[in-house]
Amino acid sequence: MTFTGFGEYAIDFYDGLAADNSKPYWQEHQHLYKSDVRAPMEALLAELSPEFAEGFGAAKVFRPHRDVRFAKDKSPYKTHCGGVIEPGRGGGAYYVEVSPAGLRVGGGCFHLASDQLANFRRAVDTEVHGSALADILAKLRRTGWTIAGDTLRTRPRGFDGDHPRIDLLKHRSLYVVRTWEPDDTLHERGCLDRVRRAWRALRPINEWARDHVGVSEQPRR
């Protein structure tokens, strides 16, 4: 498939779903999800995979249904569509998302299992690998990326509060994101170039995560 942009009604579909997150709305408008959201996302990932998937991970589109088993919010559908190329959760990711907010791109460690967190902190603690990550993040911040992730309020056990990278060590997940508000490019082939350029900027942090965090060896729940 050739990616030509997300469909004309992609944002309208999610605006409506945000206002009426119900099975009747979904069933009535599901054809728009398939034609204007899902199919373009699959085409986008297919075109980007030759550059980003080889030697790194597999591409997939996340399912539209929310996991509400343990959630207070029981709304059944996600109000965004996300796609990713990753080796496994936590070990680096090339992520792209379309929603009413527009186009969102991200990378890094969106979730860290306990063994991955131990690997992450062990690498950050070393001068070579920890400084390399700090430099990667500083460059991304300077070029418009937002550094995000879940963090501890206090220092993690086993590390001094005056550690030169204590702020990084407090992270329990670490990723970077960038968002473009809805515009004409979202619905054009130029969206592919936008994501490709962003993912190329993410290569250093994803390769750091792949090399120093890796895929969890713990069974997924």
N, C-alpha and C. Protein backbone atom coordinates (compact mmCIF):
# COMPACT_ATOMS: atom_id res chain seq x y z
N MET A 1 0.84 -1.19 0.00
CA MET A 1 0.00 0.00 0.00
C MET A 1 0.88 1.25 0.00
N THR A 2 0.42 2.28 -0.68
CA THR A 2 1.12 3.56 -0.71
C THR A 2 0.42 4.52 0.25
N PHE A 3 1.18 5.12 1.13
CA PHE A 3 0.60 6.07 2.08
C PHE A 3 0.40 7.41 1.39
N THR A 4 -0.82 7.93 1.46
CA THR A 4 -1.12 9.23 0.85
C THR A 4 -1.65 10.22 1.88
N GLY A 5 -1.54 9.87 3.17
CA GLY A 5 -2.04 10.74 4.23
C GLY A 5 -3.21 10.09 4.93
N PHE A 6 -3.49 10.55 6.13
CA PHE A 6 -4.67 10.07 6.84
C PHE A 6 -5.92 10.67 6.19
N GLY A 7 -7.02 9.94 6.29
CA GLY A 7 -8.21 10.32 5.56
C GLY A 7 -8.80 11.65 6.01
N GLU A 8 -9.66 12.17 5.16
CA GLU A 8 -10.28 13.47 5.40
C GLU A 8 -11.04 13.51 6.71
N TYR A 9 -11.61 12.36 7.12
CA TYR A 9 -12.48 12.35 8.28
C TYR A 9 -11.81 11.72 9.52
N ALA A 10 -10.50 11.55 9.48
CA ALA A 10 -9.80 10.92 10.61
C ALA A 10 -10.00 11.70 11.91
N ILE A 11 -9.79 13.00 11.86
CA ILE A 11 -9.93 13.82 13.07
C ILE A 11 -11.39 13.94 13.47
N ASP A 12 -12.28 14.11 12.49
CA ASP A 12 -13.71 14.19 12.79
C ASP A 12 -14.20 12.92 13.47
N PHE A 13 -13.69 11.77 13.00
CA PHE A 13 -14.08 10.50 13.62
C PHE A 13 -13.73 10.48 15.10
N TYR A 14 -12.51 10.90 15.43
CA TYR A 14 -12.09 10.87 16.83
C TYR A 14 -12.72 11.98 17.66
N ASP A 15 -13.01 13.12 17.05
CA ASP A 15 -13.76 14.15 17.76
C ASP A 15 -15.12 13.60 18.19
N GLY A 16 -15.77 12.90 17.27
CA GLY A 16 -17.07 12.32 17.59
C GLY A 16 -16.97 11.23 18.64
N LEU A 17 -15.93 10.42 18.56
CA LEU A 17 -15.76 9.34 19.52
C LEU A 17 -15.46 9.88 20.91
N ALA A 18 -14.73 10.99 20.98
CA ALA A 18 -14.45 11.61 22.27
C ALA A 18 -15.75 12.12 22.91
N ALA A 19 -16.67 12.57 22.09
CA ALA A 19 -17.95 13.08 22.60
C ALA A 19 -18.93 11.97 22.91
N ASP A 20 -18.83 10.86 22.20
CA ASP A 20 -19.77 9.75 22.38
C ASP A 20 -19.01 8.44 22.27
N ASN A 21 -18.33 8.08 23.36
CA ASN A 21 -17.53 6.85 23.38
C ASN A 21 -18.44 5.67 23.70
N SER A 22 -19.18 5.23 22.68
CA SER A 22 -20.18 4.18 22.87
C SER A 22 -20.13 3.19 21.71
N LYS A 23 -20.66 2.02 21.96
CA LYS A 23 -20.72 1.00 20.91
C LYS A 23 -21.57 1.44 19.73
N PRO A 24 -22.73 2.07 19.94
CA PRO A 24 -23.53 2.53 18.79
C PRO A 24 -22.76 3.50 17.90
N TYR A 25 -22.04 4.48 18.51
CA TYR A 25 -21.26 5.41 17.70
C TYR A 25 -20.20 4.65 16.92
N TRP A 26 -19.51 3.73 17.59
CA TRP A 26 -18.43 2.98 16.93
C TRP A 26 -18.98 2.17 15.76
N GLN A 27 -20.08 1.49 15.96
CA GLN A 27 -20.63 0.67 14.89
C GLN A 27 -21.08 1.52 13.70
N GLU A 28 -21.65 2.68 13.99
CA GLU A 28 -22.15 3.53 12.92
C GLU A 28 -21.01 4.16 12.11
N HIS A 29 -19.88 4.41 12.76
CA HIS A 29 -18.77 5.12 12.10
C HIS A 29 -17.54 4.25 11.89
N GLN A 30 -17.65 2.96 12.11
CA GLN A 30 -16.49 2.08 12.02
C GLN A 30 -15.87 2.11 10.62
N HIS A 31 -16.68 2.33 9.59
CA HIS A 31 -16.13 2.39 8.23
C HIS A 31 -15.14 3.54 8.07
N LEU A 32 -15.36 4.65 8.82
CA LEU A 32 -14.41 5.76 8.77
C LEU A 32 -13.11 5.39 9.47
N TYR A 33 -13.21 4.68 10.59
CA TYR A 33 -12.00 4.22 11.27
C TYR A 33 -11.17 3.35 10.34
N LYS A 34 -11.81 2.43 9.63
CA LYS A 34 -11.08 1.50 8.77
C LYS A 34 -10.46 2.22 7.58
N SER A 35 -11.20 3.14 6.95
CA SER A 35 -10.73 3.76 5.72
C SER A 35 -9.82 4.96 5.94
N ASP A 36 -10.12 5.78 6.98
CA ASP A 36 -9.41 7.04 7.15
C ASP A 36 -8.35 7.00 8.24
N VAL A 37 -8.39 5.97 9.08
CA VAL A 37 -7.43 5.87 10.18
C VAL A 37 -6.58 4.60 10.08
N ARG A 38 -7.22 3.45 10.19
CA ARG A 38 -6.49 2.18 10.28
C ARG A 38 -5.70 1.88 9.00
N ALA A 39 -6.35 1.95 7.86
CA ALA A 39 -5.66 1.63 6.61
C ALA A 39 -4.48 2.58 6.35
N PRO A 40 -4.64 3.91 6.53
CA PRO A 40 -3.47 4.78 6.37
C PRO A 40 -2.35 4.49 7.37
N MET A 41 -2.71 4.17 8.61
CA MET A 41 -1.68 3.85 9.60
C MET A 41 -0.90 2.61 9.18
N GLU A 42 -1.59 1.60 8.69
CA GLU A 42 -0.91 0.39 8.23
C GLU A 42 0.00 0.70 7.04
N ALA A 43 -0.48 1.56 6.13
CA ALA A 43 0.33 1.93 4.98
C ALA A 43 1.56 2.73 5.40
N LEU A 44 1.39 3.62 6.37
CA LEU A 44 2.51 4.42 6.87
C LEU A 44 3.59 3.52 7.46
N LEU A 45 3.19 2.59 8.31
CA LEU A 45 4.16 1.68 8.92
C LEU A 45 4.84 0.79 7.89
N ALA A 46 4.07 0.38 6.87
CA ALA A 46 4.64 -0.48 5.83
C ALA A 46 5.74 0.26 5.06
N GLU A 47 5.54 1.54 4.81
CA GLU A 47 6.56 2.30 4.07
C GLU A 47 7.77 2.64 4.92
N LEU A 48 7.57 2.77 6.22
CA LEU A 48 8.69 3.12 7.10
C LEU A 48 9.47 1.89 7.58
N SER A 49 8.86 0.73 7.51
CA SER A 49 9.50 -0.48 8.04
C SER A 49 10.83 -0.81 7.40
N PRO A 50 11.01 -0.67 6.08
CA PRO A 50 12.32 -1.02 5.52
C PRO A 50 13.48 -0.25 6.14
N GLU A 51 13.24 0.99 6.55
CA GLU A 51 14.31 1.79 7.16
C GLU A 51 14.45 1.55 8.65
N PHE A 52 13.33 1.36 9.35
CA PHE A 52 13.38 1.37 10.82
C PHE A 52 13.17 -0.01 11.48
N ALA A 53 12.56 -0.94 10.78
CA ALA A 53 12.25 -2.22 11.41
C ALA A 53 13.40 -3.21 11.33
N GLU A 54 14.16 -3.18 10.24
CA GLU A 54 15.21 -4.17 10.05
C GLU A 54 16.26 -4.07 11.15
N GLY A 55 16.48 -5.16 11.84
CA GLY A 55 17.45 -5.21 12.92
C GLY A 55 16.98 -4.55 14.21
N PHE A 56 15.72 -4.10 14.23
CA PHE A 56 15.23 -3.42 15.44
C PHE A 56 13.98 -4.08 16.00
N GLY A 57 12.93 -4.21 15.19
CA GLY A 57 11.71 -4.80 15.72
C GLY A 57 10.61 -4.88 14.69
N ALA A 58 9.44 -5.26 15.14
CA ALA A 58 8.30 -5.45 14.26
C ALA A 58 7.32 -4.29 14.36
N ALA A 59 6.58 -4.06 13.27
CA ALA A 59 5.58 -2.98 13.22
C ALA A 59 4.20 -3.54 13.57
N LYS A 60 3.42 -2.73 14.28
CA LYS A 60 2.04 -3.12 14.56
C LYS A 60 1.20 -1.87 14.82
N VAL A 61 -0.09 -2.01 14.56
CA VAL A 61 -1.06 -0.98 14.91
C VAL A 61 -1.77 -1.45 16.17
N PHE A 62 -1.86 -0.59 17.17
CA PHE A 62 -2.51 -0.97 18.42
C PHE A 62 -4.02 -1.11 18.21
N ARG A 63 -4.60 -2.02 18.95
CA ARG A 63 -6.03 -2.26 18.83
C ARG A 63 -6.82 -1.06 19.33
N PRO A 64 -8.01 -0.84 18.80
CA PRO A 64 -8.79 0.34 19.18
C PRO A 64 -9.53 0.22 20.50
N HIS A 65 -9.64 -0.98 21.03
CA HIS A 65 -10.39 -1.17 22.27
C HIS A 65 -9.50 -0.97 23.49
N ARG A 66 -10.02 -0.32 24.49
CA ARG A 66 -9.30 -0.11 25.74
C ARG A 66 -9.39 -1.34 26.62
N ASP A 67 -8.37 -1.58 27.42
CA ASP A 67 -8.40 -2.61 28.45
C ASP A 67 -8.98 -1.98 29.72
N VAL A 68 -10.23 -2.29 29.99
CA VAL A 68 -10.94 -1.63 31.09
C VAL A 68 -11.07 -2.52 32.32
N ARG A 69 -10.37 -3.65 32.33
CA ARG A 69 -10.54 -4.60 33.43
C ARG A 69 -10.24 -3.98 34.79
N PHE A 70 -9.21 -3.16 34.87
CA PHE A 70 -8.82 -2.58 36.16
C PHE A 70 -8.90 -1.05 36.13
N ALA A 71 -9.62 -0.50 35.16
CA ALA A 71 -9.69 0.95 35.00
C ALA A 71 -10.99 1.51 35.58
N LYS A 72 -10.87 2.68 36.20
CA LYS A 72 -12.08 3.37 36.67
C LYS A 72 -12.90 3.89 35.49
N ASP A 73 -12.20 4.34 34.46
CA ASP A 73 -12.86 4.81 33.24
C ASP A 73 -13.21 3.60 32.39
N LYS A 74 -14.48 3.33 32.20
CA LYS A 74 -14.94 2.15 31.47
C LYS A 74 -15.29 2.45 30.01
N SER A 75 -14.93 3.63 29.50
CA SER A 75 -15.20 3.91 28.10
C SER A 75 -14.47 2.88 27.24
N PRO A 76 -15.16 2.29 26.27
CA PRO A 76 -14.62 1.09 25.61
C PRO A 76 -13.56 1.34 24.53
N TYR A 77 -13.47 2.57 23.99
CA TYR A 77 -12.61 2.78 22.83
C TYR A 77 -11.56 3.85 23.07
N LYS A 78 -10.38 3.64 22.50
CA LYS A 78 -9.33 4.64 22.56
C LYS A 78 -9.69 5.80 21.64
N THR A 79 -9.37 7.01 22.06
CA THR A 79 -9.65 8.18 21.23
C THR A 79 -8.41 8.59 20.45
N HIS A 80 -7.61 7.62 20.07
CA HIS A 80 -6.45 7.82 19.22
C HIS A 80 -6.10 6.49 18.58
N CYS A 81 -5.31 6.54 17.53
CA CYS A 81 -4.78 5.33 16.91
C CYS A 81 -3.27 5.41 16.93
N GLY A 82 -2.64 4.43 17.53
CA GLY A 82 -1.19 4.40 17.63
C GLY A 82 -0.59 3.26 16.83
N GLY A 83 0.57 3.52 16.26
CA GLY A 83 1.35 2.50 15.58
C GLY A 83 2.78 2.54 16.08
N VAL A 84 3.46 1.40 16.03
CA VAL A 84 4.80 1.34 16.62
C VAL A 84 5.66 0.32 15.90
N ILE A 85 6.96 0.59 15.89
CA ILE A 85 7.97 -0.41 15.54
C ILE A 85 8.86 -0.54 16.76
N GLU A 86 8.92 -1.74 17.33
CA GLU A 86 9.70 -1.94 18.56
C GLU A 86 10.14 -3.39 18.66
N PRO A 87 11.25 -3.63 19.36
CA PRO A 87 11.70 -5.01 19.57
C PRO A 87 10.90 -5.72 20.65
N GLY A 88 10.30 -4.96 21.53
CA GLY A 88 9.54 -5.45 22.68
C GLY A 88 9.32 -4.28 23.60
N ARG A 89 8.29 -4.33 24.41
CA ARG A 89 7.94 -3.20 25.24
C ARG A 89 9.11 -2.78 26.12
N GLY A 90 9.48 -1.49 26.01
CA GLY A 90 10.51 -0.94 26.88
C GLY A 90 11.89 -0.83 26.29
N GLY A 91 12.17 -1.62 25.24
CA GLY A 91 13.52 -1.65 24.69
C GLY A 91 13.75 -0.71 23.54
N GLY A 92 13.06 0.45 23.56
CA GLY A 92 13.12 1.40 22.47
C GLY A 92 11.89 1.27 21.59
N ALA A 93 11.44 2.37 20.98
CA ALA A 93 10.24 2.33 20.16
C ALA A 93 10.17 3.51 19.22
N TYR A 94 9.76 3.23 18.00
CA TYR A 94 9.39 4.29 17.06
C TYR A 94 7.86 4.33 17.04
N TYR A 95 7.31 5.37 17.64
CA TYR A 95 5.86 5.44 17.86
C TYR A 95 5.26 6.59 17.07
N VAL A 96 4.05 6.38 16.55
CA VAL A 96 3.31 7.43 15.86
C VAL A 96 1.84 7.30 16.23
N GLU A 97 1.17 8.44 16.36
CA GLU A 97 -0.22 8.43 16.82
C GLU A 97 -1.00 9.55 16.14
N VAL A 98 -2.25 9.26 15.77
CA VAL A 98 -3.15 10.28 15.26
C VAL A 98 -4.35 10.37 16.19
N SER A 99 -4.77 11.61 16.51
CA SER A 99 -5.85 11.84 17.46
C SER A 99 -6.41 13.24 17.20
N PRO A 100 -7.42 13.67 17.96
CA PRO A 100 -7.90 15.04 17.81
C PRO A 100 -6.82 16.09 18.03
N ALA A 101 -5.75 15.74 18.77
CA ALA A 101 -4.65 16.67 19.00
C ALA A 101 -3.74 16.80 17.78
N GLY A 102 -3.90 15.90 16.81
CA GLY A 102 -3.08 15.93 15.62
C GLY A 102 -2.18 14.72 15.50
N LEU A 103 -0.93 14.94 15.13
CA LEU A 103 0.05 13.87 14.94
C LEU A 103 1.04 13.90 16.08
N ARG A 104 1.24 12.77 16.73
CA ARG A 104 2.19 12.67 17.84
C ARG A 104 3.21 11.59 17.51
N VAL A 105 4.48 11.91 17.72
CA VAL A 105 5.57 10.98 17.45
C VAL A 105 6.41 10.86 18.71
N GLY A 106 6.90 9.66 18.99
CA GLY A 106 7.69 9.48 20.20
C GLY A 106 8.63 8.31 20.10
N GLY A 107 9.54 8.23 21.06
CA GLY A 107 10.48 7.12 21.10
C GLY A 107 11.12 7.00 22.47
N GLY A 108 11.77 5.87 22.71
CA GLY A 108 12.41 5.63 23.99
C GLY A 108 11.79 4.46 24.72
N CYS A 109 11.74 4.56 26.04
CA CYS A 109 11.26 3.48 26.91
C CYS A 109 9.93 3.89 27.53
N PHE A 110 8.83 3.51 26.88
CA PHE A 110 7.52 3.91 27.37
C PHE A 110 7.09 3.11 28.60
N HIS A 111 7.66 1.96 28.78
CA HIS A 111 7.37 1.14 29.96
C HIS A 111 8.61 0.31 30.26
N LEU A 112 8.95 0.23 31.54
CA LEU A 112 10.11 -0.56 31.95
C LEU A 112 9.69 -1.59 32.98
N ALA A 113 9.87 -2.86 32.66
CA ALA A 113 9.71 -3.91 33.65
C ALA A 113 10.86 -3.82 34.64
N SER A 114 10.76 -4.55 35.74
CA SER A 114 11.76 -4.40 36.81
C SER A 114 13.16 -4.77 36.33
N ASP A 115 13.30 -5.79 35.48
CA ASP A 115 14.64 -6.15 35.00
C ASP A 115 15.17 -5.09 34.03
N GLN A 116 14.29 -4.49 33.25
CA GLN A 116 14.71 -3.41 32.35
C GLN A 116 15.10 -2.16 33.13
N LEU A 117 14.35 -1.87 34.19
CA LEU A 117 14.67 -0.71 35.02
C LEU A 117 16.05 -0.87 35.65
N ALA A 118 16.36 -2.10 36.08
CA ALA A 118 17.69 -2.35 36.65
C ALA A 118 18.77 -2.13 35.59
N ASN A 119 18.53 -2.59 34.38
CA ASN A 119 19.49 -2.37 33.28
C ASN A 119 19.66 -0.88 32.99
N PHE A 120 18.53 -0.18 32.96
CA PHE A 120 18.54 1.26 32.68
C PHE A 120 19.38 2.01 33.71
N ARG A 121 19.14 1.75 34.98
CA ARG A 121 19.87 2.47 36.02
C ARG A 121 21.33 2.07 36.06
N ARG A 122 21.62 0.83 35.75
CA ARG A 122 23.01 0.39 35.73
C ARG A 122 23.78 1.14 34.63
N ALA A 123 23.14 1.33 33.48
CA ALA A 123 23.79 2.04 32.38
C ALA A 123 23.91 3.54 32.67
N VAL A 124 22.86 4.13 33.22
CA VAL A 124 22.90 5.56 33.55
C VAL A 124 23.96 5.85 34.61
N ASP A 125 24.19 4.90 35.48
CA ASP A 125 25.17 5.08 36.55
C ASP A 125 26.59 5.15 36.03
N THR A 126 26.85 4.53 34.87
CA THR A 126 28.21 4.56 34.32
C THR A 126 28.47 5.89 33.61
N GLU A 127 29.69 6.35 33.67
CA GLU A 127 30.02 7.64 33.06
C GLU A 127 29.85 7.61 31.55
N VAL A 128 30.29 6.53 30.92
CA VAL A 128 30.25 6.47 29.46
C VAL A 128 28.81 6.43 28.95
N HIS A 129 28.04 5.44 29.40
CA HIS A 129 26.69 5.26 28.86
C HIS A 129 25.71 6.29 29.42
N GLY A 130 25.88 6.66 30.68
CA GLY A 130 24.99 7.65 31.27
C GLY A 130 25.17 9.02 30.63
N SER A 131 26.41 9.42 30.42
CA SER A 131 26.68 10.71 29.78
C SER A 131 26.20 10.71 28.34
N ALA A 132 26.32 9.57 27.67
CA ALA A 132 25.85 9.48 26.28
C ALA A 132 24.34 9.72 26.22
N LEU A 133 23.59 9.13 27.15
CA LEU A 133 22.14 9.33 27.18
C LEU A 133 21.80 10.78 27.49
N ALA A 134 22.51 11.37 28.44
CA ALA A 134 22.26 12.77 28.78
C ALA A 134 22.49 13.68 27.58
N ASP A 135 23.52 13.39 26.80
CA ASP A 135 23.81 14.19 25.61
C ASP A 135 22.72 14.02 24.56
N ILE A 136 22.24 12.79 24.39
CA ILE A 136 21.16 12.52 23.43
C ILE A 136 19.91 13.31 23.80
N LEU A 137 19.55 13.28 25.06
CA LEU A 137 18.35 13.98 25.52
C LEU A 137 18.51 15.49 25.41
N ALA A 138 19.69 15.99 25.70
CA ALA A 138 19.92 17.43 25.60
C ALA A 138 19.75 17.91 24.16
N LYS A 139 20.23 17.14 23.20
CA LYS A 139 20.08 17.51 21.79
C LYS A 139 18.63 17.47 21.38
N LEU A 140 17.90 16.44 21.80
CA LEU A 140 16.49 16.34 21.45
C LEU A 140 15.70 17.50 22.05
N ARG A 141 16.01 17.85 23.29
CA ARG A 141 15.32 18.97 23.93
C ARG A 141 15.57 20.27 23.17
N ARG A 142 16.80 20.48 22.75
CA ARG A 142 17.14 21.71 22.02
C ARG A 142 16.41 21.80 20.68
N THR A 143 16.07 20.67 20.11
CA THR A 143 15.43 20.66 18.79
C THR A 143 13.92 20.49 18.87
N GLY A 144 13.35 20.72 20.05
CA GLY A 144 11.90 20.79 20.14
C GLY A 144 11.18 19.60 20.71
N TRP A 145 11.91 18.59 21.16
CA TRP A 145 11.27 17.41 21.76
C TRP A 145 11.02 17.64 23.24
N THR A 146 9.98 16.98 23.75
CA THR A 146 9.65 17.02 25.17
C THR A 146 10.10 15.72 25.83
N ILE A 147 10.84 15.84 26.92
CA ILE A 147 11.29 14.67 27.67
C ILE A 147 10.20 14.31 28.68
N ALA A 148 9.80 13.06 28.70
CA ALA A 148 8.69 12.64 29.56
C ALA A 148 9.01 11.30 30.21
N GLY A 149 8.09 10.86 31.05
CA GLY A 149 8.23 9.58 31.72
C GLY A 149 7.83 9.65 33.18
N ASP A 150 7.58 8.50 33.76
CA ASP A 150 7.24 8.40 35.17
C ASP A 150 8.51 8.50 36.00
N THR A 151 8.48 9.32 37.04
CA THR A 151 9.67 9.52 37.86
C THR A 151 9.37 9.37 39.35
N LEU A 152 10.38 8.99 40.10
CA LEU A 152 10.29 8.96 41.55
C LEU A 152 10.41 10.38 42.11
N ARG A 153 9.82 10.60 43.27
CA ARG A 153 9.97 11.90 43.92
C ARG A 153 11.31 12.01 44.64
N THR A 154 11.83 10.89 45.06
CA THR A 154 13.11 10.88 45.77
C THR A 154 14.10 10.00 45.01
N ARG A 155 15.34 9.99 45.47
CA ARG A 155 16.36 9.19 44.79
C ARG A 155 16.04 7.71 44.91
N PRO A 156 16.38 6.93 43.89
CA PRO A 156 16.17 5.49 43.98
C PRO A 156 17.14 4.86 44.99
N ARG A 157 16.73 3.80 45.59
CA ARG A 157 17.56 3.12 46.58
C ARG A 157 18.89 2.69 45.98
N GLY A 158 19.95 2.95 46.72
CA GLY A 158 21.28 2.53 46.28
C GLY A 158 22.07 3.61 45.56
N PHE A 159 21.46 4.79 45.38
CA PHE A 159 22.15 5.87 44.68
C PHE A 159 22.18 7.11 45.55
N ASP A 160 23.30 7.84 45.51
CA ASP A 160 23.44 9.06 46.28
C ASP A 160 22.63 10.19 45.65
N GLY A 161 22.13 11.07 46.50
CA GLY A 161 21.36 12.20 46.02
C GLY A 161 22.17 13.18 45.20
N ASP A 162 23.50 13.16 45.35
CA ASP A 162 24.34 14.09 44.58
C ASP A 162 24.94 13.43 43.34
N HIS A 163 24.36 12.30 42.92
CA HIS A 163 24.83 11.64 41.70
C HIS A 163 24.68 12.62 40.53
N PRO A 164 25.66 12.73 39.63
CA PRO A 164 25.59 13.71 38.54
C PRO A 164 24.40 13.52 37.60
N ARG A 165 23.83 12.32 37.61
CA ARG A 165 22.66 12.07 36.76
C ARG A 165 21.49 11.57 37.58
N ILE A 166 21.34 12.13 38.77
CA ILE A 166 20.28 11.67 39.67
C ILE A 166 18.89 11.87 39.06
N ASP A 167 18.71 12.95 38.27
CA ASP A 167 17.40 13.18 37.66
C ASP A 167 17.04 12.07 36.67
N LEU A 168 18.03 11.57 35.94
CA LEU A 168 17.78 10.45 35.04
C LEU A 168 17.53 9.17 35.82
N LEU A 169 18.26 8.98 36.89
CA LEU A 169 18.11 7.77 37.69
C LEU A 169 16.73 7.68 38.34
N LYS A 170 16.08 8.80 38.54
CA LYS A 170 14.73 8.80 39.13
C LYS A 170 13.66 8.29 38.17
N HIS A 171 13.99 8.22 36.90
CA HIS A 171 12.99 7.79 35.91
C HIS A 171 12.65 6.31 36.07
N ARG A 172 11.35 6.02 36.01
CA ARG A 172 10.88 4.64 35.93
C ARG A 172 10.42 4.30 34.52
N SER A 173 10.31 5.31 33.69
CA SER A 173 10.16 5.21 32.24
C SER A 173 10.73 6.49 31.67
N LEU A 174 11.19 6.44 30.44
CA LEU A 174 11.83 7.62 29.85
C LEU A 174 11.59 7.60 28.35
N TYR A 175 10.92 8.64 27.87
CA TYR A 175 10.67 8.74 26.44
C TYR A 175 10.58 10.20 26.04
N VAL A 176 10.60 10.44 24.74
CA VAL A 176 10.51 11.81 24.20
C VAL A 176 9.37 11.85 23.21
N VAL A 177 8.68 12.99 23.15
CA VAL A 177 7.52 13.12 22.27
C VAL A 177 7.53 14.48 21.57
N ARG A 178 6.84 14.51 20.46
CA ARG A 178 6.66 15.75 19.71
C ARG A 178 5.31 15.69 19.02
N THR A 179 4.58 16.81 19.00
CA THR A 179 3.22 16.83 18.47
C THR A 179 3.06 17.95 17.45
N TRP A 180 2.35 17.65 16.37
CA TRP A 180 1.94 18.64 15.39
C TRP A 180 0.42 18.73 15.41
N GLU A 181 -0.11 19.91 15.59
CA GLU A 181 -1.55 20.08 15.58
C GLU A 181 -2.12 19.70 14.21
N PRO A 182 -3.41 19.36 14.15
CA PRO A 182 -4.00 18.98 12.85
C PRO A 182 -3.76 20.05 11.79
N ASP A 183 -3.26 19.63 10.64
CA ASP A 183 -3.02 20.55 9.54
C ASP A 183 -3.17 19.79 8.23
N ASP A 184 -2.99 20.47 7.12
CA ASP A 184 -3.15 19.83 5.82
C ASP A 184 -2.16 18.69 5.63
N THR A 185 -0.96 18.83 6.17
CA THR A 185 0.07 17.81 5.99
C THR A 185 -0.37 16.46 6.53
N LEU A 186 -1.18 16.44 7.57
CA LEU A 186 -1.66 15.19 8.15
C LEU A 186 -2.38 14.35 7.10
N HIS A 187 -3.02 15.01 6.15
CA HIS A 187 -3.83 14.32 5.15
C HIS A 187 -3.12 14.20 3.80
N GLU A 188 -1.83 14.45 3.80
CA GLU A 188 -1.05 14.40 2.56
C GLU A 188 0.13 13.44 2.72
N ARG A 189 0.76 13.13 1.61
CA ARG A 189 1.92 12.25 1.67
C ARG A 189 3.07 12.88 2.45
N GLY A 190 3.06 14.19 2.55
CA GLY A 190 4.08 14.86 3.33
C GLY A 190 4.12 14.41 4.78
N CYS A 191 3.03 13.84 5.28
CA CYS A 191 3.01 13.30 6.65
C CYS A 191 4.04 12.19 6.80
N LEU A 192 4.23 11.40 5.76
CA LEU A 192 5.26 10.35 5.79
C LEU A 192 6.63 10.96 6.00
N ASP A 193 6.94 12.03 5.29
CA ASP A 193 8.25 12.68 5.44
C ASP A 193 8.41 13.25 6.84
N ARG A 194 7.33 13.78 7.39
CA ARG A 194 7.37 14.35 8.74
C ARG A 194 7.71 13.27 9.77
N VAL A 195 7.05 12.13 9.66
CA VAL A 195 7.32 11.04 10.60
C VAL A 195 8.71 10.47 10.38
N ARG A 196 9.11 10.32 9.13
CA ARG A 196 10.43 9.76 8.84
C ARG A 196 11.54 10.63 9.44
N ARG A 197 11.43 11.94 9.25
CA ARG A 197 12.45 12.84 9.80
C ARG A 197 12.48 12.77 11.32
N ALA A 198 11.29 12.70 11.93
CA ALA A 198 11.22 12.62 13.39
C ALA A 198 11.82 11.32 13.88
N TRP A 199 11.51 10.23 13.22
CA TRP A 199 12.05 8.94 13.65
C TRP A 199 13.57 8.88 13.48
N ARG A 200 14.08 9.53 12.46
CA ARG A 200 15.53 9.56 12.30
C ARG A 200 16.18 10.29 13.47
N ALA A 201 15.51 11.34 13.96
CA ALA A 201 16.03 12.06 15.13
C ALA A 201 15.98 11.19 16.37
N LEU A 202 15.07 10.21 16.39
CA LEU A 202 14.91 9.34 17.55
C LEU A 202 15.87 8.14 17.54
N ARG A 203 16.55 7.93 16.44
CA ARG A 203 17.40 6.74 16.34
C ARG A 203 18.42 6.63 17.48
N PRO A 204 19.10 7.71 17.87
CA PRO A 204 20.09 7.57 18.95
C PRO A 204 19.49 7.09 20.28
N ILE A 205 18.33 7.63 20.68
CA ILE A 205 17.76 7.20 21.96
C ILE A 205 17.23 5.77 21.86
N ASN A 206 16.69 5.40 20.71
CA ASN A 206 16.19 4.04 20.57
C ASN A 206 17.32 3.02 20.51
N GLU A 207 18.42 3.38 19.87
CA GLU A 207 19.55 2.46 19.84
C GLU A 207 20.18 2.35 21.22
N TRP A 208 20.20 3.47 21.97
CA TRP A 208 20.69 3.40 23.36
C TRP A 208 19.82 2.45 24.17
N ALA A 209 18.52 2.58 24.03
CA ALA A 209 17.60 1.71 24.78
C ALA A 209 17.76 0.26 24.37
N ARG A 210 17.88 0.02 23.08
CA ARG A 210 18.07 -1.36 22.61
C ARG A 210 19.34 -1.97 23.18
N ASP A 211 20.42 -1.19 23.19
CA ASP A 211 21.71 -1.73 23.61
C ASP A 211 21.87 -1.85 25.11
N HIS A 212 21.23 -0.97 25.88
CA HIS A 212 21.49 -0.91 27.31
C HIS A 212 20.30 -1.29 28.20
N VAL A 213 19.11 -1.31 27.63
CA VAL A 213 17.92 -1.73 28.39
C VAL A 213 17.45 -3.10 27.91
N GLY A 214 17.24 -3.21 26.61
CA GLY A 214 16.85 -4.49 26.02
C GLY A 214 15.40 -4.85 26.30
N VAL A 215 15.05 -6.03 25.86
CA VAL A 215 13.70 -6.57 26.03
C VAL A 215 13.62 -7.31 27.36
N SER A 216 12.52 -7.14 28.07
CA SER A 216 12.36 -7.81 29.35
C SER A 216 12.32 -9.32 29.19
N GLU A 217 12.94 -10.01 30.13
CA GLU A 217 12.88 -11.47 30.14
C GLU A 217 11.79 -11.97 31.07
N GLN A 218 11.05 -11.05 31.67
CA GLN A 218 9.96 -11.45 32.55
C GLN A 218 8.71 -11.71 31.74
N PRO A 219 7.88 -12.67 32.17
CA PRO A 219 6.64 -12.92 31.44
C PRO A 219 5.68 -11.74 31.54
N ARG A 220 5.01 -11.41 30.42
CA ARG A 220 4.05 -10.31 30.44
C ARG A 220 2.77 -10.74 31.15
N ARG A 221 2.22 -9.81 31.92
CA ARG A 221 0.98 -10.12 32.62
C ARG A 221 -0.22 -9.96 31.70
